Amino acid sequence: MTDVDAAVLMALGTYLGSLASNDLAERCRQGELDAKGKTESRRERKRALTALTSSRWAGTITRTSEDAFQLAMGNLEAEQRSLRARIAQIRRRLAVPAGTRRGRSYGYPTQAERFQKQRRLQILEHRLEVVEARLESGRVSICRGGKHLANVHHHLDEAGLTDDAWRERWRAERWFLTADGEKDKYLGNLTIRWHPDEQWLDIALPRALAHLANRSRNRYRLSCPISFPYRGDEVAAQAVNGAVRYDIVFLPQKGRWYLDASWRYPDRQPLTIEQVREHRVMAVDLNAGHLATVLLDPSGNPVGRPATIPIVLDGLPATTRDGHLRQAISDVLTMAKTGGARAIVIENLDFAESRDIGRELHGNRPSRGKRGRRFRRLIAGIPTAKFRNLLIQMAANTGITVVAVDPAYTSRWGAEHWLGALQETFIDISGHHAAALVIGRRGLGQRARRKTRCDLTRAEHREERATRPVVGATGDGGPSLLSRQRMRGLGTREARGQPQTWQKTRRADRTTPVTQVAQDRSGPPTKRDRVSLSV
């Protein structure tokens, strides 16, 4: 881009950015409005902006201001919900004396910790009063350019920036160079137009900047060619047949300008659950740092080798994390299409309670000290909601349906019924792959437990296993040669990882232990039971 082109875009972004700031301030002053009030407010603000720019620029500015206000209100409601959950948890534990227990409620271990929690309760109650007052009056706090970048101005040495470099980034973040698409219009957008064949880009200038135009009707065309190296054919097809939104972004740290194109796909009807269960599915288990995937046939049996897709998100900027997550989802969709899957099965998991209560969470999970901080950092590092939303959007674009299932006990049952069989067949298999397999079986309507006919043993090992005893009497009378995933009769229920505590009828006393040994046979068994045990 030439210096003249850059100067024109800077002038346009600064002018529209000032109008956007004033419009956002006006919308914040109006507070929370009903549906009719929102319509009237936007109509009045758009009429005022149209006199300074154009109706199309004014429509985009007012739409952006309304979106920013609603996002800020949603953040306030989330903070209110989190504060209420934390206050309720502290009050519940303060109602029990220190070091004692009342039903399922535990008091704080020491009197000193109880005293500190009483002080923290007062702080949280004050914060809740402030948040509720802001919600009632509709007062929100929005910083155009970002609060993080605004706070960096007070710590330039730590950020490694000079004052001039920071101001350049601050101005670039507050520019407004966005134009919403228009259906049935020339090239899908009359404000910012991109020609897919000739690769030129021209922009409609406001009347205040008409002296910068180099085309008729107050338009400016950039002197450099514009191309989309990624999905350029889709952008070209959408520009010819539909509406396209364009965003012009400048990154001062790189000295580069970018043009982003976005549009909305038409709604597609997903498959019904009955149709999903007639085809293969791809099961995905989301974990901190990676995705565990398993391809299943309609009967619930694994097909091919389970895979692991890494997701490196720690310590990265938000845009980089978003790119890594999108790349991982693209890999999952590619594997699903290659394997013939028509649906992707995931857990309906969001850690909402853990995020709302935070360090006040009490139970089986650690809440205090290094272990508590490590657990909260782990929960915060798992992008459950972001992954689910991106997967739904990207899967819809490829015609793949997403199925969410109950996440209860998938890891335990996977380790109990499937981990040993998978490890005997494949190497480098973890419990996450077994959990993904259980997730996929739930999506197919199958139970987590394997059927006795299912045998993942290698063919060369089947004959050897068929001729050896299944259960034999050891020196202490216990069973031997049992498969790892079938050791359900040994140890405590906690060691076996069983989620339910069924109580069986007490057996009658027997004087002689009963064991069973497989019959001698030269070939493989006619029925491929993993273990046949009866007493």
Protein backbone atom coordinates (compact mmCIF):
# COMPACT_ATOMS: atom_id res chain seq x y z
CA MET A 1 0.00 0.00 0.00
CA THR A 2 1.27 3.46 -0.89
CA ASP A 3 1.62 6.29 1.60
CA VAL A 4 -1.31 8.10 -0.01
CA ASP A 5 -3.57 5.07 0.39
CA ALA A 6 -2.51 4.69 4.01
CA ALA A 7 -3.12 8.38 4.72
CA VAL A 8 -6.64 8.21 3.28
CA LEU A 9 -7.52 5.12 5.34
CA MET A 10 -6.11 6.71 8.49
CA ALA A 11 -8.15 9.87 7.95
CA LEU A 12 -11.30 7.83 7.26
CA GLY A 13 -10.74 5.58 10.30
CA THR A 14 -10.12 8.54 12.60
CA TYR A 15 -13.21 10.42 11.42
CA LEU A 16 -15.55 7.41 11.64
CA GLY A 17 -13.94 6.35 14.94
CA SER A 18 -14.83 9.67 16.54
CA LEU A 19 -18.43 9.31 15.36
CA ALA A 20 -18.54 5.74 16.70
CA SER A 21 -17.24 6.88 20.09
CA ASN A 22 -19.87 9.61 20.36
CA ASP A 23 -22.64 7.22 19.32
CA LEU A 24 -21.52 4.58 21.83
CA ALA A 25 -21.46 7.18 24.60
CA GLU A 26 -24.96 8.29 23.70
CA ARG A 27 -26.22 4.69 23.70
CA CYS A 28 -24.66 4.06 27.12
CA ARG A 29 -26.31 7.17 28.54
CA GLN A 30 -29.73 5.84 27.51
CA GLY A 31 -29.29 2.68 29.59
CA GLU A 32 -31.34 -0.50 29.27
CA LEU A 33 -34.26 -0.22 26.81
CA ASP A 34 -37.08 -2.47 25.72
CA ALA A 35 -37.50 -3.64 22.14
CA LYS A 36 -39.47 -0.56 21.10
CA GLY A 37 -37.02 1.74 22.84
CA LYS A 38 -34.07 0.12 21.08
CA THR A 39 -35.70 0.64 17.71
CA GLU A 40 -36.49 4.27 18.38
CA SER A 41 -33.05 4.94 19.83
CA ARG A 42 -31.26 3.48 16.84
CA ARG A 43 -33.50 5.36 14.41
CA GLU A 44 -32.77 8.69 16.06
CA ARG A 45 -29.03 8.08 16.34
CA LYS A 46 -28.83 6.84 12.76
CA ARG A 47 -30.65 9.95 11.51
CA ALA A 48 -28.12 12.16 13.31
CA LEU A 49 -25.13 10.21 11.93
CA THR A 50 -26.49 10.15 8.39
CA ALA A 51 -26.17 13.94 8.22
CA LEU A 52 -22.44 13.57 8.97
CA THR A 53 -21.61 10.46 6.89
CA SER A 54 -24.07 8.34 4.94
CA SER A 55 -26.97 6.07 5.81
CA ARG A 56 -24.86 2.94 5.29
CA TRP A 57 -21.96 4.08 7.49
CA ALA A 58 -24.52 5.26 10.08
CA GLY A 59 -26.30 1.89 10.07
CA THR A 60 -23.06 0.01 10.73
CA ILE A 61 -22.01 2.38 13.52
CA THR A 62 -25.33 2.18 15.36
CA ARG A 63 -25.44 -1.62 15.01
CA THR A 64 -21.91 -1.89 16.47
CA SER A 65 -22.80 0.38 19.39
CA GLU A 66 -25.86 -1.68 20.25
CA ASP A 67 -23.84 -4.92 20.10
CA ALA A 68 -21.17 -3.45 22.41
CA PHE A 69 -23.79 -2.28 24.91
CA GLN A 70 -25.55 -5.65 25.01
CA LEU A 71 -22.22 -7.44 25.46
CA ALA A 72 -21.35 -5.19 28.39
CA MET A 73 -24.75 -5.86 29.99
CA GLY A 74 -24.21 -9.58 29.58
CA ASN A 75 -20.85 -9.28 31.32
CA LEU A 76 -22.48 -7.47 34.24
CA GLU A 77 -25.12 -10.18 34.56
CA ALA A 78 -22.42 -12.86 34.52
CA GLU A 79 -20.53 -11.03 37.27
CA GLN A 80 -23.71 -10.76 39.31
CA ARG A 81 -24.35 -14.49 38.93
CA SER A 82 -20.79 -15.33 39.97
CA LEU A 83 -20.88 -13.06 43.04
CA ARG A 84 -24.18 -14.52 44.19
CA ALA A 85 -22.82 -18.07 43.87
CA ARG A 86 -19.69 -17.22 45.86
CA ILE A 87 -21.61 -15.42 48.59
CA ALA A 88 -24.04 -18.34 48.93
CA GLN A 89 -21.17 -20.81 49.21
CA ILE A 90 -19.38 -18.78 51.92
CA ARG A 91 -22.59 -18.29 53.89
CA ARG A 92 -23.33 -22.00 53.70
CA ARG A 93 -19.98 -22.87 55.23
CA LEU A 94 -20.05 -20.06 57.78
CA ALA A 95 -23.30 -21.49 59.15
CA VAL A 96 -21.30 -24.50 60.39
CA PRO A 97 -18.78 -24.06 63.23
CA ALA A 98 -15.12 -24.31 62.33
CA GLY A 99 -13.77 -27.84 62.15
CA THR A 100 -17.21 -29.49 62.26
CA ARG A 101 -19.71 -30.92 59.84
CA ARG A 102 -23.50 -30.57 59.59
CA GLY A 103 -25.01 -32.95 57.09
CA ARG A 104 -23.26 -32.38 53.79
CA SER A 105 -21.99 -28.95 54.78
CA TYR A 106 -18.50 -28.58 56.19
CA GLY A 107 -17.26 -25.67 58.23
CA TYR A 108 -13.90 -24.08 57.58
CA PRO A 109 -10.95 -26.07 58.99
CA THR A 110 -9.67 -23.36 61.37
CA GLN A 111 -11.04 -20.35 63.14
CA ALA A 112 -8.46 -18.12 61.43
CA GLU A 113 -9.68 -19.15 57.97
CA ARG A 114 -13.27 -18.66 59.08
CA PHE A 115 -12.42 -15.09 60.14
CA GLN A 116 -10.80 -14.33 56.78
CA LYS A 117 -13.86 -15.68 54.97
CA GLN A 118 -16.08 -13.38 57.00
CA ARG A 119 -14.02 -10.42 55.79
CA ARG A 120 -14.13 -11.70 52.21
CA LEU A 121 -17.92 -12.07 52.48
CA GLN A 122 -18.25 -8.37 53.28
CA ILE A 123 -16.12 -7.45 50.26
CA LEU A 124 -18.14 -9.66 47.93
CA GLU A 125 -21.44 -8.29 49.25
CA HIS A 126 -20.25 -4.74 48.58
CA ARG A 127 -19.21 -5.68 45.04
CA LEU A 128 -22.60 -7.29 44.48
CA GLU A 129 -24.38 -4.13 45.60
CA VAL A 130 -22.38 -2.08 43.10
CA VAL A 131 -23.09 -4.51 40.25
CA GLU A 132 -26.81 -4.69 41.01
CA ALA A 133 -27.02 -0.89 41.17
CA ARG A 134 -25.34 -0.63 37.77
CA LEU A 135 -27.69 -3.25 36.32
CA GLU A 136 -30.74 -1.48 37.69
CA SER A 137 -29.67 1.87 36.25
CA GLY A 138 -28.30 0.34 33.02
CA ARG A 139 -24.81 1.84 33.51
CA VAL A 140 -22.08 -0.10 31.74
CA SER A 141 -18.35 0.45 31.33
CA ILE A 142 -17.01 0.19 27.77
CA CYS A 143 -13.58 1.27 26.57
CA ARG A 144 -13.17 1.64 22.82
CA GLY A 145 -9.71 0.33 22.10
CA GLY A 146 -9.73 -2.18 24.95
CA LYS A 147 -9.16 -1.86 28.69
CA HIS A 148 -6.03 -4.01 28.49
CA LEU A 149 -4.32 -1.67 26.04
CA ALA A 150 -5.45 1.33 28.09
CA ASN A 151 -3.82 -0.13 31.22
CA VAL A 152 -0.62 -0.88 29.29
CA HIS A 153 -0.07 2.89 29.02
CA HIS A 154 0.74 2.89 32.74
CA HIS A 155 3.32 0.09 32.37
CA LEU A 156 5.16 0.88 29.14
CA ASP A 157 8.50 -0.40 30.41
CA GLU A 158 7.07 -3.79 31.30
CA ALA A 159 5.31 -4.01 27.94
CA GLY A 160 8.45 -2.97 26.06
CA LEU A 161 6.72 -0.06 24.30
CA THR A 162 7.51 3.59 23.88
CA ASP A 163 4.88 6.27 24.31
CA ASP A 164 4.74 6.90 20.54
CA ALA A 165 4.40 3.19 19.78
CA TRP A 166 1.60 2.84 22.30
CA ARG A 167 -0.27 5.85 20.92
CA GLU A 168 -0.01 4.46 17.40
CA ARG A 169 -1.55 1.17 18.54
CA TRP A 170 -4.20 3.01 20.55
CA ARG A 171 -5.28 5.11 17.56
CA ALA A 172 -5.39 2.04 15.30
CA GLU A 173 -7.62 0.16 17.76
CA ARG A 174 -10.08 3.07 17.95
CA TRP A 175 -10.42 3.49 14.19
CA PHE A 176 -13.70 2.43 12.60
CA LEU A 177 -13.36 0.80 9.17
CA THR A 178 -16.26 -1.66 9.02
CA ALA A 179 -19.07 -1.90 6.47
CA ASP A 180 -21.98 -4.34 6.73
CA GLY A 181 -22.98 -6.25 3.62
CA GLU A 182 -26.11 -5.63 1.57
CA LYS A 183 -28.03 -8.32 -0.23
CA ASP A 184 -28.89 -7.89 -3.92
CA LYS A 185 -26.39 -5.04 -4.26
CA TYR A 186 -23.41 -4.72 -6.57
CA LEU A 187 -20.60 -6.95 -5.26
CA GLY A 188 -22.50 -7.47 -2.00
CA ASN A 189 -21.50 -4.14 -0.43
CA LEU A 190 -21.90 -0.56 -1.65
CA THR A 191 -19.75 1.03 1.07
CA ILE A 192 -16.60 -1.10 0.65
CA ARG A 193 -16.47 -2.93 -2.68
CA TRP A 194 -13.97 -5.58 -3.75
CA HIS A 195 -13.88 -6.90 -7.31
CA PRO A 196 -12.86 -10.59 -7.38
CA ASP A 197 -11.56 -10.57 -10.97
CA GLU A 198 -9.89 -7.17 -11.22
CA GLN A 199 -8.85 -7.23 -7.52
CA TRP A 200 -9.47 -3.58 -6.77
CA LEU A 201 -11.00 -2.11 -3.63
CA ASP A 202 -12.82 1.19 -3.42
CA ILE A 203 -14.46 2.89 -0.45
CA ALA A 204 -17.31 5.40 -0.14
CA LEU A 205 -16.04 8.52 1.65
CA PRO A 206 -18.18 10.79 3.86
CA ARG A 207 -18.87 14.29 2.65
CA ALA A 208 -16.35 15.69 5.12
CA LEU A 209 -13.59 13.71 3.32
CA ALA A 210 -14.87 14.14 -0.24
CA HIS A 211 -11.74 16.08 -1.18
CA LEU A 212 -9.72 12.84 -0.84
CA ALA A 213 -11.74 10.95 -3.48
CA ASN A 214 -10.10 9.80 -6.71
CA ARG A 215 -13.28 8.36 -8.25
CA SER A 216 -16.72 9.77 -8.93
CA ARG A 217 -19.43 9.94 -6.27
CA ASN A 218 -16.97 10.54 -3.44
CA ARG A 219 -15.24 7.18 -3.75
CA TYR A 220 -11.58 6.32 -3.27
CA ARG A 221 -9.94 3.32 -4.96
CA LEU A 222 -6.72 1.87 -3.55
CA SER A 223 -3.80 1.77 -5.95
CA CYS A 224 -2.63 -1.73 -4.88
CA PRO A 225 -4.30 -5.03 -5.86
CA ILE A 226 -6.25 -6.85 -3.16
CA SER A 227 -6.43 -10.65 -2.97
CA PHE A 228 -7.60 -13.28 -0.49
CA PRO A 229 -5.01 -16.08 -0.30
CA TYR A 230 -7.26 -18.10 2.03
CA ARG A 231 -10.72 -19.17 0.78
CA GLY A 232 -10.57 -16.55 -1.95
CA ASP A 233 -12.88 -18.55 -4.22
CA GLU A 234 -15.59 -18.56 -1.53
CA VAL A 235 -15.25 -14.80 -1.01
CA ALA A 236 -15.53 -14.24 -4.75
CA ALA A 237 -18.63 -16.43 -5.03
CA GLN A 238 -20.29 -14.68 -2.09
CA ALA A 239 -19.45 -11.21 -3.45
CA VAL A 240 -21.20 -12.07 -6.71
CA ASN A 241 -24.24 -13.82 -5.20
CA GLY A 242 -24.80 -12.35 -1.73
CA ALA A 243 -23.89 -9.84 0.98
CA VAL A 244 -20.35 -9.53 2.34
CA ARG A 245 -19.14 -7.58 5.36
CA TYR A 246 -15.64 -6.07 5.15
CA ASP A 247 -13.32 -4.99 7.97
CA ILE A 248 -10.09 -3.08 7.34
CA VAL A 249 -7.53 -3.59 10.11
CA PHE A 250 -4.10 -2.05 10.64
CA LEU A 251 -1.45 -3.68 12.88
CA PRO A 252 1.19 -1.05 13.78
CA GLN A 253 3.52 -3.64 15.31
CA LYS A 254 3.75 -5.35 11.92
CA GLY A 255 3.13 -2.33 9.72
CA ARG A 256 0.53 -4.27 7.70
CA TRP A 257 -3.02 -3.67 6.55
CA TYR A 258 -5.56 -6.50 6.38
CA LEU A 259 -8.95 -6.87 4.73
CA ASP A 260 -11.34 -9.34 6.40
CA ALA A 261 -14.47 -10.64 4.68
CA SER A 262 -17.34 -12.33 6.51
CA TRP A 263 -20.85 -13.43 5.64
CA ARG A 264 -23.69 -15.59 6.92
CA TYR A 265 -24.43 -19.02 5.53
CA PRO A 266 -28.06 -20.00 4.94
CA ASP A 267 -29.60 -22.12 7.68
CA ARG A 268 -29.21 -25.84 7.15
CA GLN A 269 -31.40 -28.55 8.66
CA PRO A 270 -29.27 -30.88 10.81
CA LEU A 271 -29.73 -34.63 10.84
CA THR A 272 -32.14 -36.17 13.31
CA ILE A 273 -30.76 -38.42 16.04
CA GLU A 274 -32.22 -41.44 14.24
CA GLN A 275 -30.39 -40.50 11.04
CA VAL A 276 -27.16 -39.91 12.95
CA ARG A 277 -27.25 -43.41 14.42
CA GLU A 278 -27.39 -44.96 10.97
CA HIS A 279 -23.91 -43.72 10.05
CA ARG A 280 -20.44 -43.48 11.51
CA VAL A 281 -19.73 -40.80 14.11
CA MET A 282 -16.58 -39.08 15.32
CA ALA A 283 -16.34 -38.90 19.13
CA VAL A 284 -14.26 -36.07 20.62
CA ASP A 285 -13.07 -35.70 24.23
CA LEU A 286 -11.93 -32.15 25.00
CA ASN A 287 -9.04 -31.90 27.46
CA ALA A 288 -6.49 -29.34 28.56
CA GLY A 289 -3.92 -29.23 25.77
CA HIS A 290 -5.36 -31.76 23.33
CA LEU A 291 -8.39 -33.43 21.74
CA ALA A 292 -8.85 -37.21 21.89
CA THR A 293 -10.83 -38.53 18.90
CA VAL A 294 -12.23 -41.97 18.04
CA LEU A 295 -14.18 -42.99 14.92
CA LEU A 296 -17.09 -45.36 15.60
CA ASP A 297 -19.33 -47.42 13.34
CA PRO A 298 -23.14 -47.48 13.82
CA SER A 299 -22.78 -50.46 16.18
CA GLY A 300 -20.52 -48.49 18.55
CA ASN A 301 -17.26 -50.24 17.71
CA PRO A 302 -14.06 -48.24 17.13
CA VAL A 303 -12.89 -47.99 13.53
CA GLY A 304 -9.21 -47.38 12.84
CA ARG A 305 -6.71 -45.92 15.25
CA PRO A 306 -7.73 -43.28 17.82
CA ALA A 307 -5.99 -39.94 17.31
CA THR A 308 -4.75 -37.07 19.46
CA ILE A 309 -4.90 -33.47 18.21
CA PRO A 310 -2.78 -31.02 20.26
CA ILE A 311 -4.13 -27.60 21.26
CA VAL A 312 -1.45 -25.24 22.59
CA LEU A 313 -3.22 -22.29 24.23
CA ASP A 314 -1.26 -21.38 27.37
CA GLY A 315 0.37 -17.96 27.40
CA LEU A 316 -0.77 -17.00 23.89
CA PRO A 317 -2.72 -13.92 22.75
CA ALA A 318 -6.45 -14.27 22.25
CA THR A 319 -6.24 -14.16 18.45
CA THR A 320 -3.53 -16.83 18.43
CA ARG A 321 -5.53 -19.08 20.76
CA ASP A 322 -8.54 -18.65 18.51
CA GLY A 323 -6.47 -19.64 15.47
CA HIS A 324 -5.07 -22.75 17.18
CA LEU A 325 -8.53 -23.82 18.28
CA ARG A 326 -9.94 -23.32 14.79
CA GLN A 327 -7.09 -25.36 13.32
CA ALA A 328 -7.79 -28.22 15.73
CA ILE A 329 -11.50 -28.15 14.83
CA SER A 330 -10.59 -28.14 11.13
CA ASP A 331 -8.47 -31.25 11.70
CA VAL A 332 -11.39 -32.96 13.46
CA LEU A 333 -13.78 -32.12 10.61
CA THR A 334 -11.27 -33.34 8.04
CA MET A 335 -10.84 -36.64 9.88
CA ALA A 336 -14.61 -37.01 10.19
CA LYS A 337 -15.20 -36.45 6.48
CA THR A 338 -12.35 -38.77 5.54
CA GLY A 339 -13.71 -41.52 7.80
CA GLY A 340 -17.26 -41.18 6.47
CA ALA A 341 -18.75 -39.77 9.69
CA ARG A 342 -21.96 -37.79 9.46
CA ALA A 343 -21.88 -36.41 13.00
CA ILE A 344 -19.47 -35.38 15.76
CA VAL A 345 -20.32 -36.33 19.35
CA ILE A 346 -19.05 -34.16 22.22
CA GLU A 347 -19.77 -33.76 25.92
CA ASN A 348 -22.28 -31.14 27.04
CA LEU A 349 -19.73 -29.64 29.40
CA ASP A 350 -19.16 -26.01 30.38
CA PHE A 351 -17.76 -25.91 33.98
CA ALA A 352 -20.24 -23.12 34.72
CA GLU A 353 -20.40 -23.84 38.45
CA SER A 354 -16.62 -24.06 38.79
CA ARG A 355 -16.15 -20.75 36.99
CA ASP A 356 -18.89 -18.96 38.93
CA ILE A 357 -17.84 -20.09 42.40
CA GLY A 358 -14.10 -19.96 41.69
CA ARG A 359 -11.90 -20.60 44.71
CA GLU A 360 -14.94 -20.91 46.98
CA LEU A 361 -15.77 -24.27 45.36
CA HIS A 362 -15.74 -27.01 47.99
CA GLY A 363 -16.02 -30.73 47.47
CA ASN A 364 -13.91 -33.34 45.74
CA ARG A 365 -12.01 -30.70 43.78
CA PRO A 366 -9.15 -28.74 45.42
CA SER A 367 -10.02 -25.15 46.26
CA ARG A 368 -7.10 -23.78 48.29
CA GLY A 369 -3.35 -23.51 47.96
CA LYS A 370 -1.25 -24.54 45.00
CA ARG A 371 -3.51 -27.45 44.10
CA GLY A 372 -6.54 -25.16 44.05
CA ARG A 373 -4.80 -22.58 41.86
CA ARG A 374 -3.59 -25.33 39.55
CA PHE A 375 -7.11 -26.74 39.25
CA ARG A 376 -8.67 -23.34 38.53
CA ARG A 377 -5.97 -22.64 35.95
CA LEU A 378 -6.74 -26.02 34.36
CA ILE A 379 -10.47 -25.27 34.21
CA ALA A 380 -9.85 -21.81 32.77
CA GLY A 381 -7.54 -23.32 30.13
CA ILE A 382 -10.19 -25.69 28.76
CA PRO A 383 -12.17 -23.66 26.18
CA THR A 384 -15.43 -25.59 26.54
CA ALA A 385 -17.89 -22.89 25.41
CA LYS A 386 -15.55 -21.51 22.75
CA PHE A 387 -14.89 -25.00 21.39
CA ARG A 388 -18.58 -25.88 21.31
CA ASN A 389 -19.63 -22.66 19.56
CA LEU A 390 -16.86 -22.81 16.97
CA LEU A 391 -17.47 -26.50 16.32
CA ILE A 392 -21.19 -25.91 15.72
CA GLN A 393 -20.48 -23.08 13.28
CA MET A 394 -17.69 -24.81 11.38
CA ALA A 395 -19.48 -28.17 11.31
CA ALA A 396 -22.62 -26.55 9.89
CA ASN A 397 -20.54 -25.16 7.04
CA THR A 398 -19.38 -28.67 6.14
CA GLY A 399 -22.77 -30.38 6.55
CA ILE A 400 -21.81 -32.32 9.71
CA THR A 401 -24.18 -32.52 12.69
CA VAL A 402 -22.99 -31.99 16.27
CA VAL A 403 -24.46 -34.14 19.05
CA ALA A 404 -23.94 -33.28 22.74
CA VAL A 405 -24.30 -36.03 25.37
CA ASP A 406 -24.25 -36.30 29.16
CA PRO A 407 -20.63 -36.15 30.42
CA ALA A 408 -21.23 -38.20 33.59
CA TYR A 409 -18.69 -40.98 34.28
CA THR A 410 -17.31 -41.16 30.74
CA SER A 411 -13.72 -41.38 32.00
CA ARG A 412 -14.49 -44.02 34.64
CA TRP A 413 -16.51 -46.27 32.39
CA GLY A 414 -14.07 -45.82 29.55
CA ALA A 415 -11.19 -46.91 31.78
CA GLU A 416 -13.20 -49.84 33.10
CA HIS A 417 -14.61 -51.27 29.87
CA TRP A 418 -12.43 -50.03 27.00
CA LEU A 419 -8.97 -48.86 28.04
CA GLY A 420 -7.43 -52.32 28.39
CA ALA A 421 -8.81 -53.54 25.06
CA LEU A 422 -7.61 -50.42 23.23
CA GLN A 423 -4.14 -50.64 24.77
CA GLU A 424 -3.83 -54.27 23.71
CA THR A 425 -4.60 -53.30 20.12
CA PHE A 426 -2.88 -49.92 19.82
CA ILE A 427 0.05 -48.25 21.52
CA ASP A 428 0.10 -44.77 23.04
CA ILE A 429 -3.56 -44.96 24.00
CA SER A 430 -4.71 -43.06 27.09
CA GLY A 431 -7.85 -42.96 29.16
CA HIS A 432 -9.00 -39.91 27.17
CA HIS A 433 -9.44 -42.07 24.07
CA ALA A 434 -11.46 -44.58 26.10
CA ALA A 435 -13.61 -41.72 27.40
CA ALA A 436 -14.12 -40.47 23.83
CA LEU A 437 -15.27 -43.94 22.85
CA VAL A 438 -17.89 -43.93 25.61
CA ILE A 439 -18.99 -40.46 24.47
CA GLY A 440 -19.49 -41.75 20.94
CA ARG A 441 -21.44 -44.79 22.12
CA ARG A 442 -23.78 -42.53 24.07
CA GLY A 443 -24.39 -40.50 20.95
CA LEU A 444 -25.28 -43.72 19.12
CA GLY A 445 -27.64 -44.83 21.88
CA GLN A 446 -25.33 -47.63 23.01
CA ARG A 447 -24.48 -48.49 26.61
CA ALA A 448 -20.97 -47.83 27.83
CA ARG A 449 -20.26 -51.48 28.65
CA ARG A 450 -18.78 -53.58 25.87
CA LYS A 451 -20.70 -56.56 24.60
CA THR A 452 -19.04 -59.91 25.15
CA ARG A 453 -18.87 -60.52 21.41
CA CYS A 454 -16.72 -57.44 20.89
CA ASP A 455 -13.04 -58.44 20.75
CA LEU A 456 -10.27 -55.99 19.89
CA THR A 457 -7.51 -58.56 20.42
CA ARG A 458 -4.99 -58.87 17.63
CA ALA A 459 -5.60 -61.84 15.38
CA GLU A 460 -2.21 -63.40 16.18
CA HIS A 461 -3.03 -63.40 19.90
CA ARG A 462 -6.53 -64.86 19.72
CA GLU A 463 -5.49 -68.49 19.37
CA GLU A 464 -3.02 -68.17 22.25
CA ARG A 465 -5.62 -66.60 24.50
CA ALA A 466 -8.25 -69.16 23.56
CA THR A 467 -6.14 -72.07 24.84
CA ARG A 468 -5.07 -70.57 28.18
CA PRO A 469 -7.26 -70.73 31.30
CA VAL A 470 -9.57 -67.85 31.94
CA VAL A 471 -9.71 -68.25 35.71
CA GLY A 472 -7.40 -70.44 37.76
CA ALA A 473 -6.96 -71.05 41.43
CA THR A 474 -3.93 -69.27 42.86
CA GLY A 475 -2.20 -69.98 46.09
CA ASP A 476 -4.52 -67.70 48.03
CA GLY A 477 -7.64 -68.84 46.25
CA GLY A 478 -8.01 -65.70 44.14
CA PRO A 479 -8.54 -65.53 40.36
CA SER A 480 -5.65 -65.14 37.96
CA LEU A 481 -5.03 -64.34 34.28
CA LEU A 482 -7.88 -61.87 34.17
CA SER A 483 -7.83 -59.10 31.60
CA ARG A 484 -7.06 -55.64 33.04
CA GLN A 485 -10.37 -54.12 32.11
CA ARG A 486 -12.26 -57.07 33.64
CA MET A 487 -10.70 -56.93 37.11
CA ARG A 488 -14.00 -55.83 38.55
CA GLY A 489 -14.09 -58.26 41.45
CA LEU A 490 -10.84 -57.12 43.08
CA GLY A 491 -10.20 -54.34 45.56
CA THR A 492 -12.54 -51.65 46.76
CA ARG A 493 -15.14 -49.97 44.61
CA GLU A 494 -13.14 -46.74 44.71
CA ALA A 495 -10.10 -48.54 43.32
CA ARG A 496 -12.19 -50.05 40.54
CA GLY A 497 -13.62 -46.61 39.65
CA GLN A 498 -17.28 -47.68 39.75
CA PRO A 499 -19.59 -44.67 39.98
CA GLN A 500 -22.55 -46.50 41.55
CA THR A 501 -22.66 -48.43 44.81
CA TRP A 502 -25.11 -51.23 44.20
CA GLN A 503 -25.56 -53.56 47.16
CA LYS A 504 -25.86 -57.21 46.33
CA THR A 505 -27.53 -59.89 48.39
CA ARG A 506 -25.03 -61.60 50.66
CA ARG A 507 -23.89 -64.93 49.28
CA ALA A 508 -24.37 -68.14 51.14
CA ASP A 509 -21.30 -69.60 52.83
CA ARG A 510 -19.53 -72.19 50.70
CA THR A 511 -16.99 -74.63 51.88
CA THR A 512 -15.34 -75.25 48.52
CA PRO A 513 -14.40 -72.44 46.10
CA VAL A 514 -15.71 -72.90 42.58
CA THR A 515 -13.49 -72.12 39.61
CA GLN A 516 -13.82 -72.69 35.90
CA VAL A 517 -11.17 -73.48 33.33
CA ALA A 518 -11.54 -73.15 29.57
CA GLN A 519 -11.81 -76.40 27.65
CA ASP A 520 -8.85 -77.59 25.61
CA ARG A 521 -9.36 -76.88 21.93
CA SER A 522 -7.00 -76.57 19.02
CA GLY A 523 -8.64 -73.67 17.21
CA PRO A 524 -10.07 -70.31 18.26
CA PRO A 525 -13.35 -70.37 20.19
CA THR A 526 -16.60 -70.20 18.32
CA LYS A 527 -17.77 -67.45 20.70
CA ARG A 528 -15.18 -64.77 21.29
CA ASP A 529 -15.85 -63.97 24.92
CA ARG A 530 -13.17 -61.91 26.56
CA VAL A 531 -13.74 -63.59 29.94
CA SER A 532 -16.23 -66.23 30.93
CA LEU A 533 -16.57 -66.35 34.71
CA SER A 534 -19.36 -67.99 36.65
CA VAL A 535 -19.69 -68.95 40.28
